[in-house]
Amino acid sequence: HTPFRTLADCPRNGRQPDPAPPCIAAVD
């Protein structure tokens, strides 16, 4: 779960947004 709704919203790599937005890895 990320704040990026579309591929166009995604940064080219996860290190680019500063500060990096918080995300959740939800495990079943």
PDB file of all heavy atoms in Angstrom:
ATOM      1  N   HIS A   1       0.855  -1.192   0.000  1.00  0.00           N
ATOM      2  CA  HIS A   1       0.000   0.000   0.000  1.00  0.00           C
ATOM      3  C   HIS A   1       0.884   1.233   0.000  1.00  0.00           C
ATOM      4  O   HIS A   1       1.684   1.442   0.920  1.00  0.00           O
ATOM      5  CB  HIS A   1      -0.941  -0.031   1.196  1.00  0.00           C
ATOM      6  CG  HIS A   1      -1.848  -1.220   1.158  1.00  0.00           C
ATOM      7  ND1 HIS A   1      -2.854  -1.339   0.221  1.00  0.00           N
ATOM      8  CD2 HIS A   1      -1.856  -2.357   1.880  1.00  0.00           C
ATOM      9  CE1 HIS A   1      -3.475  -2.504   0.395  1.00  0.00           C
ATOM     10  NE2 HIS A   1      -2.873  -3.137   1.396  1.00  0.00           N
ATOM     11  N   THR A   2       0.766   1.996  -1.087  1.00  0.00           N
ATOM     12  CA  THR A   2       1.576   3.191  -1.307  1.00  0.00           C
ATOM     13  C   THR A   2       0.648   4.362  -1.630  1.00  0.00           C
ATOM     14  O   THR A   2      -0.533   4.145  -1.929  1.00  0.00           O
ATOM     15  CB  THR A   2       2.549   2.979  -2.487  1.00  0.00           C
ATOM     16  OG1 THR A   2       1.805   2.990  -3.715  1.00  0.00           O
ATOM     17  CG2 THR A   2       3.322   1.673  -2.371  1.00  0.00           C
ATOM     18  N   PRO A   3       1.177   5.585  -1.637  1.00  0.00           N
ATOM     19  CA  PRO A   3       0.347   6.725  -2.044  1.00  0.00           C
ATOM     20  C   PRO A   3       0.231   6.869  -3.561  1.00  0.00           C
ATOM     21  O   PRO A   3      -0.420   7.786  -4.044  1.00  0.00           O
ATOM     22  CB  PRO A   3       1.083   7.922  -1.434  1.00  0.00           C
ATOM     23  CG  PRO A   3       2.487   7.495  -1.319  1.00  0.00           C
ATOM     24  CD  PRO A   3       2.457   6.005  -1.092  1.00  0.00           C
ATOM     25  N   PHE A   4       0.819   5.953  -4.327  1.00  0.00           N
ATOM     26  CA  PHE A   4       0.873   6.069  -5.784  1.00  0.00           C
ATOM     27  C   PHE A   4      -0.289   5.294  -6.419  1.00  0.00           C
ATOM     28  O   PHE A   4      -0.337   4.076  -6.353  1.00  0.00           O
ATOM     29  CB  PHE A   4       2.215   5.569  -6.306  1.00  0.00           C
ATOM     30  CG  PHE A   4       3.383   6.098  -5.511  1.00  0.00           C
ATOM     31  CD1 PHE A   4       4.239   5.225  -4.853  1.00  0.00           C
ATOM     32  CD2 PHE A   4       3.604   7.460  -5.399  1.00  0.00           C
ATOM     33  CE1 PHE A   4       5.304   5.710  -4.113  1.00  0.00           C
ATOM     34  CE2 PHE A   4       4.665   7.956  -4.651  1.00  0.00           C
ATOM     35  CZ  PHE A   4       5.520   7.072  -4.003  1.00  0.00           C
ATOM     36  N   ARG A   5      -1.212   6.007  -7.036  1.00  0.00           N
ATOM     37  CA  ARG A   5      -2.424   5.387  -7.599  1.00  0.00           C
ATOM     38  C   ARG A   5      -2.233   4.857  -9.010  1.00  0.00           C
ATOM     39  O   ARG A   5      -2.921   3.940  -9.433  1.00  0.00           O
ATOM     40  CB  ARG A   5      -3.589   6.383  -7.580  1.00  0.00           C
ATOM     41  CG  ARG A   5      -3.937   6.905  -6.196  1.00  0.00           C
ATOM     42  CD  ARG A   5      -4.438   5.774  -5.310  1.00  0.00           C
ATOM     43  NE  ARG A   5      -4.659   6.238  -3.940  1.00  0.00           N
ATOM     44  CZ  ARG A   5      -4.068   5.735  -2.873  1.00  0.00           C
ATOM     45  NH1 ARG A   5      -3.225   4.746  -2.983  1.00  0.00           N
ATOM     46  NH2 ARG A   5      -4.313   6.208  -1.673  1.00  0.00           N
ATOM     47  N   THR A   6      -1.318   5.473  -9.771  1.00  0.00           N
ATOM     48  CA  THR A   6      -1.069   5.048 -11.149  1.00  0.00           C
ATOM     49  C   THR A   6       0.432   4.918 -11.359  1.00  0.00           C
ATOM     50  O   THR A   6       1.237   5.462 -10.577  1.00  0.00           O
ATOM     51  CB  THR A   6      -1.609   6.065 -12.174  1.00  0.00           C
ATOM     52  OG1 THR A   6      -0.832   7.266 -12.089  1.00  0.00           O
ATOM     53  CG2 THR A   6      -3.083   6.369 -11.935  1.00  0.00           C
ATOM     54  N   LEU A   7       0.841   4.253 -12.428  1.00  0.00           N
ATOM     55  CA  LEU A   7       2.252   4.114 -12.752  1.00  0.00           C
ATOM     56  C   LEU A   7       2.891   5.490 -12.959  1.00  0.00           C
ATOM     57  O   LEU A   7       4.036   5.717 -12.553  1.00  0.00           O
ATOM     58  CB  LEU A   7       2.424   3.239 -14.001  1.00  0.00           C
ATOM     59  CG  LEU A   7       3.839   2.798 -14.348  1.00  0.00           C
ATOM     60  CD1 LEU A   7       4.501   2.068 -13.204  1.00  0.00           C
ATOM     61  CD2 LEU A   7       3.825   1.933 -15.589  1.00  0.00           C
ATOM     62  N   ALA A   8       2.148   6.410 -13.543  1.00  0.00           N
ATOM     63  CA  ALA A   8       2.674   7.761 -13.760  1.00  0.00           C
ATOM     64  C   ALA A   8       2.945   8.482 -12.438  1.00  0.00           C
ATOM     65  O   ALA A   8       3.802   9.363 -12.372  1.00  0.00           O
ATOM     66  CB  ALA A   8       1.695   8.572 -14.615  1.00  0.00           C
ATOM     67  N   ASP A   9       2.228   8.121 -11.373  1.00  0.00           N
ATOM     68  CA  ASP A   9       2.445   8.728 -10.055  1.00  0.00           C
ATOM     69  C   ASP A   9       3.699   8.213  -9.359  1.00  0.00           C
ATOM     70  O   ASP A   9       4.228   8.860  -8.455  1.00  0.00           O
ATOM     71  CB  ASP A   9       1.257   8.439  -9.118  1.00  0.00           C
ATOM     72  CG  ASP A   9      -0.032   9.077  -9.571  1.00  0.00           C
ATOM     73  OD1 ASP A   9       0.010  10.085 -10.302  1.00  0.00           O
ATOM     74  OD2 ASP A   9      -1.099   8.546  -9.181  1.00  0.00           O
ATOM     75  N   CYS A  10       4.167   7.033  -9.756  1.00  0.00           N
ATOM     76  CA  CYS A  10       5.300   6.395  -9.078  1.00  0.00           C
ATOM     77  C   CYS A  10       6.602   7.121  -9.384  1.00  0.00           C
ATOM     78  O   CYS A  10       6.836   7.533 -10.523  1.00  0.00           O
ATOM     79  CB  CYS A  10       5.445   4.941  -9.535  1.00  0.00           C
ATOM     80  SG  CYS A  10       4.086   3.885  -9.046  1.00  0.00           S
ATOM     81  N   PRO A  11       7.469   7.248  -8.376  1.00  0.00           N
ATOM     82  CA  PRO A  11       8.805   7.782  -8.664  1.00  0.00           C
ATOM     83  C   PRO A  11       9.595   6.771  -9.488  1.00  0.00           C
ATOM     84  O   PRO A  11       9.268   5.587  -9.516  1.00  0.00           O
ATOM     85  CB  PRO A  11       9.415   7.949  -7.273  1.00  0.00           C
ATOM     86  CG  PRO A  11       8.680   6.994  -6.413  1.00  0.00           C
ATOM     87  CD  PRO A  11       7.302   6.868  -6.973  1.00  0.00           C
ATOM     88  N   ARG A  12      10.631   7.242 -10.183  1.00  0.00           N
ATOM     89  CA  ARG A  12      11.453   6.343 -10.994  1.00  0.00           C
ATOM     90  C   ARG A  12      12.159   5.324 -10.121  1.00  0.00           C
ATOM     91  O   ARG A  12      12.446   4.213 -10.550  1.00  0.00           O
ATOM     92  CB  ARG A  12      12.450   7.157 -11.815  1.00  0.00           C
ATOM     93  CG  ARG A  12      12.620   6.598 -13.190  1.00  0.00           C
ATOM     94  CD  ARG A  12      13.417   7.450 -14.141  1.00  0.00           C
ATOM     95  NE  ARG A  12      14.696   7.852 -13.631  1.00  0.00           N
ATOM     96  CZ  ARG A  12      15.093   9.116 -13.563  1.00  0.00           C
ATOM     97  NH1 ARG A  12      14.324  10.086 -13.974  1.00  0.00           N
ATOM     98  NH2 ARG A  12      16.287   9.412 -13.094  1.00  0.00           N
ATOM     99  N   ASN A  13      12.491   5.685  -8.906  1.00  0.00           N
ATOM    100  CA  ASN A  13      12.975   4.720  -7.927  1.00  0.00           C
ATOM    101  C   ASN A  13      12.566   5.217  -6.550  1.00  0.00           C
ATOM    102  O   ASN A  13      12.283   6.399  -6.356  1.00  0.00           O
ATOM    103  CB  ASN A  13      14.492   4.458  -8.048  1.00  0.00           C
ATOM    104  CG  ASN A  13      15.343   5.609  -7.586  1.00  0.00           C
ATOM    105  OD1 ASN A  13      15.235   6.050  -6.442  1.00  0.00           O
ATOM    106  ND2 ASN A  13      16.199   6.109  -8.463  1.00  0.00           N
ATOM    107  N   GLY A  14      12.514   4.312  -5.603  1.00  0.00           N
ATOM    108  CA  GLY A  14      11.987   4.632  -4.282  1.00  0.00           C
ATOM    109  C   GLY A  14      12.832   5.598  -3.482  1.00  0.00           C
ATOM    110  O   GLY A  14      12.378   6.139  -2.479  1.00  0.00           O
ATOM    111  N   ARG A  15      14.056   5.862  -3.906  1.00  0.00           N
ATOM    112  CA  ARG A  15      14.919   6.787  -3.180  1.00  0.00           C
ATOM    113  C   ARG A  15      14.703   8.237  -3.593  1.00  0.00           C
ATOM    114  O   ARG A  15      15.226   9.145  -2.975  1.00  0.00           O
ATOM    115  CB  ARG A  15      16.390   6.433  -3.404  1.00  0.00           C
ATOM    116  CG  ARG A  15      16.767   5.069  -2.875  1.00  0.00           C
ATOM    117  CD  ARG A  15      16.888   5.120  -1.359  1.00  0.00           C
ATOM    118  NE  ARG A  15      17.553   3.953  -0.837  1.00  0.00           N
ATOM    119  CZ  ARG A  15      16.940   3.037  -0.102  1.00  0.00           C
ATOM    120  NH1 ARG A  15      15.676   3.139   0.161  1.00  0.00           N
ATOM    121  NH2 ARG A  15      17.600   2.012   0.367  1.00  0.00           N
ATOM    122  N   GLN A  16      13.932   8.484  -4.643  1.00  0.00           N
ATOM    123  CA  GLN A  16      13.771   9.848  -5.137  1.00  0.00           C
ATOM    124  C   GLN A  16      12.904  10.743  -4.264  1.00  0.00           C
ATOM    125  O   GLN A  16      13.299  11.868  -4.018  1.00  0.00           O
ATOM    126  CB  GLN A  16      13.248   9.836  -6.569  1.00  0.00           C
ATOM    127  CG  GLN A  16      14.343   9.432  -7.531  1.00  0.00           C
ATOM    128  CD  GLN A  16      13.884   9.463  -8.960  1.00  0.00           C
ATOM    129  OE1 GLN A  16      12.741   9.166  -9.258  1.00  0.00           O
ATOM    130  NE2 GLN A  16      14.780   9.802  -9.838  1.00  0.00           N
ATOM    131  N   PRO A  17      11.743  10.328  -3.818  1.00  0.00           N
ATOM    132  CA  PRO A  17      10.969  11.262  -2.994  1.00  0.00           C
ATOM    133  C   PRO A  17      11.698  11.526  -1.677  1.00  0.00           C
ATOM    134  O   PRO A  17      12.189  10.600  -1.039  1.00  0.00           O
ATOM    135  CB  PRO A  17       9.658  10.533  -2.721  1.00  0.00           C
ATOM    136  CG  PRO A  17       9.624   9.372  -3.637  1.00  0.00           C
ATOM    137  CD  PRO A  17      11.041   9.075  -4.026  1.00  0.00           C
ATOM    138  N   ASP A  18      11.805  12.784  -1.315  1.00  0.00           N
ATOM    139  CA  ASP A  18      12.482  13.128  -0.068  1.00  0.00           C
ATOM    140  C   ASP A  18      11.633  14.141   0.676  1.00  0.00           C
ATOM    141  O   ASP A  18      11.466  15.255   0.195  1.00  0.00           O
ATOM    142  CB  ASP A  18      13.858  13.700  -0.371  1.00  0.00           C
ATOM    143  CG  ASP A  18      14.706  13.892   0.869  1.00  0.00           C
ATOM    144  OD1 ASP A  18      14.342  13.343   1.928  1.00  0.00           O
ATOM    145  OD2 ASP A  18      15.725  14.600   0.777  1.00  0.00           O
ATOM    146  N   PRO A  19      11.045  13.765   1.787  1.00  0.00           N
ATOM    147  CA  PRO A  19      11.221  12.484   2.453  1.00  0.00           C
ATOM    148  C   PRO A  19      10.400  11.380   1.785  1.00  0.00           C
ATOM    149  O   PRO A  19       9.418  11.658   1.097  1.00  0.00           O
ATOM    150  CB  PRO A  19      10.698  12.750   3.873  1.00  0.00           C
ATOM    151  CG  PRO A  19       9.664  13.806   3.687  1.00  0.00           C
ATOM    152  CD  PRO A  19      10.163  14.669   2.544  1.00  0.00           C
ATOM    153  N   ALA A  20      10.836  10.153   1.992  1.00  0.00           N
ATOM    154  CA  ALA A  20      10.133   8.999   1.426  1.00  0.00           C
ATOM    155  C   ALA A  20       8.787   8.843   2.122  1.00  0.00           C
ATOM    156  O   ALA A  20       8.713   8.879   3.345  1.00  0.00           O
ATOM    157  CB  ALA A  20      10.956   7.741   1.612  1.00  0.00           C
ATOM    158  N   PRO A  21       7.706   8.689   1.344  1.00  0.00           N
ATOM    159  CA  PRO A  21       6.396   8.536   1.976  1.00  0.00           C
ATOM    160  C   PRO A  21       6.278   7.198   2.703  1.00  0.00           C
ATOM    161  O   PRO A  21       6.852   6.198   2.257  1.00  0.00           O
ATOM    162  CB  PRO A  21       5.416   8.609   0.807  1.00  0.00           C
ATOM    163  CG  PRO A  21       6.212   8.222  -0.395  1.00  0.00           C
ATOM    164  CD  PRO A  21       7.625   8.637  -0.117  1.00  0.00           C
ATOM    165  N   PRO A  22       5.557   7.183   3.812  1.00  0.00           N
ATOM    166  CA  PRO A  22       5.340   5.910   4.506  1.00  0.00           C
ATOM    167  C   PRO A  22       4.430   5.005   3.689  1.00  0.00           C
ATOM    168  O   PRO A  22       3.497   5.462   3.044  1.00  0.00           O
ATOM    169  CB  PRO A  22       4.681   6.328   5.817  1.00  0.00           C
ATOM    170  CG  PRO A  22       4.064   7.656   5.538  1.00  0.00           C
ATOM    171  CD  PRO A  22       4.896   8.302   4.470  1.00  0.00           C
ATOM    172  N   CYS A  23       4.736   3.722   3.707  1.00  0.00           N
ATOM    173  CA  CYS A  23       3.962   2.716   2.980  1.00  0.00           C
ATOM    174  C   CYS A  23       3.716   1.538   3.928  1.00  0.00           C
ATOM    175  O   CYS A  23       4.337   1.442   4.981  1.00  0.00           O
ATOM    176  CB  CYS A  23       4.719   2.245   1.749  1.00  0.00           C
ATOM    177  SG  CYS A  23       5.113   3.554   0.559  1.00  0.00           S
ATOM    178  N   ILE A  24       2.827   0.651   3.518  1.00  0.00           N
ATOM    179  CA  ILE A  24       2.515  -0.542   4.306  1.00  0.00           C
ATOM    180  C   ILE A  24       2.667  -1.777   3.422  1.00  0.00           C
ATOM    181  O   ILE A  24       2.162  -1.821   2.301  1.00  0.00           O
ATOM    182  CB  ILE A  24       1.066  -0.502   4.862  1.00  0.00           C
ATOM    183  CG1 ILE A  24       0.887   0.648   5.839  1.00  0.00           C
ATOM    184  CG2 ILE A  24       0.665  -1.846   5.480  1.00  0.00           C
ATOM    185  CD1 ILE A  24       1.577   0.458   7.186  1.00  0.00           C
ATOM    186  N   ALA A  25       3.388  -2.761   3.941  1.00  0.00           N
ATOM    187  CA  ALA A  25       3.418  -4.098   3.333  1.00  0.00           C
ATOM    188  C   ALA A  25       2.469  -4.942   4.172  1.00  0.00           C
ATOM    189  O   ALA A  25       2.762  -5.249   5.327  1.00  0.00           O
ATOM    190  CB  ALA A  25       4.825  -4.667   3.342  1.00  0.00           C
ATOM    191  N   ALA A  26       1.302  -5.249   3.612  1.00  0.00           N
ATOM    192  CA  ALA A  26       0.273  -6.012   4.334  1.00  0.00           C
ATOM    193  C   ALA A  26       0.400  -7.483   3.957  1.00  0.00           C
ATOM    194  O   ALA A  26       0.210  -7.860   2.803  1.00  0.00           O
ATOM    195  CB  ALA A  26      -1.110  -5.480   3.990  1.00  0.00           C
ATOM    196  N   VAL A  27       0.729  -8.298   4.936  1.00  0.00           N
ATOM    197  CA  VAL A  27       0.921  -9.735   4.724  1.00  0.00           C
ATOM    198  C   VAL A  27      -0.382 -10.455   5.047  1.00  0.00           C
ATOM    199  O   VAL A  27      -1.008 -10.200   6.085  1.00  0.00           O
ATOM    200  CB  VAL A  27       2.086 -10.254   5.599  1.00  0.00           C
ATOM    201  CG1 VAL A  27       2.243 -11.749   5.469  1.00  0.00           C
ATOM    202  CG2 VAL A  27       3.375  -9.525   5.235  1.00  0.00           C
ATOM    203  N   ASP A  28      -0.813 -11.327   4.152  1.00  0.00           N
ATOM    204  CA  ASP A  28      -2.040 -12.089   4.361  1.00  0.00           C
ATOM    205  C   ASP A  28      -1.922 -12.961   5.617  1.00  0.00           C
ATOM    206  O   ASP A  28      -0.837 -13.473   5.926  1.00  0.00           O
ATOM    207  CB  ASP A  28      -2.330 -12.976   3.147  1.00  0.00           C
ATOM    208  CG  ASP A  28      -2.665 -12.172   1.892  1.00  0.00           C
ATOM    209  OD1 ASP A  28      -3.003 -10.977   1.998  1.00  0.00           O
ATOM    210  OD2 ASP A  28      -2.586 -12.769   0.796  1.00  0.00           O
TER     211      ASP A  28
END
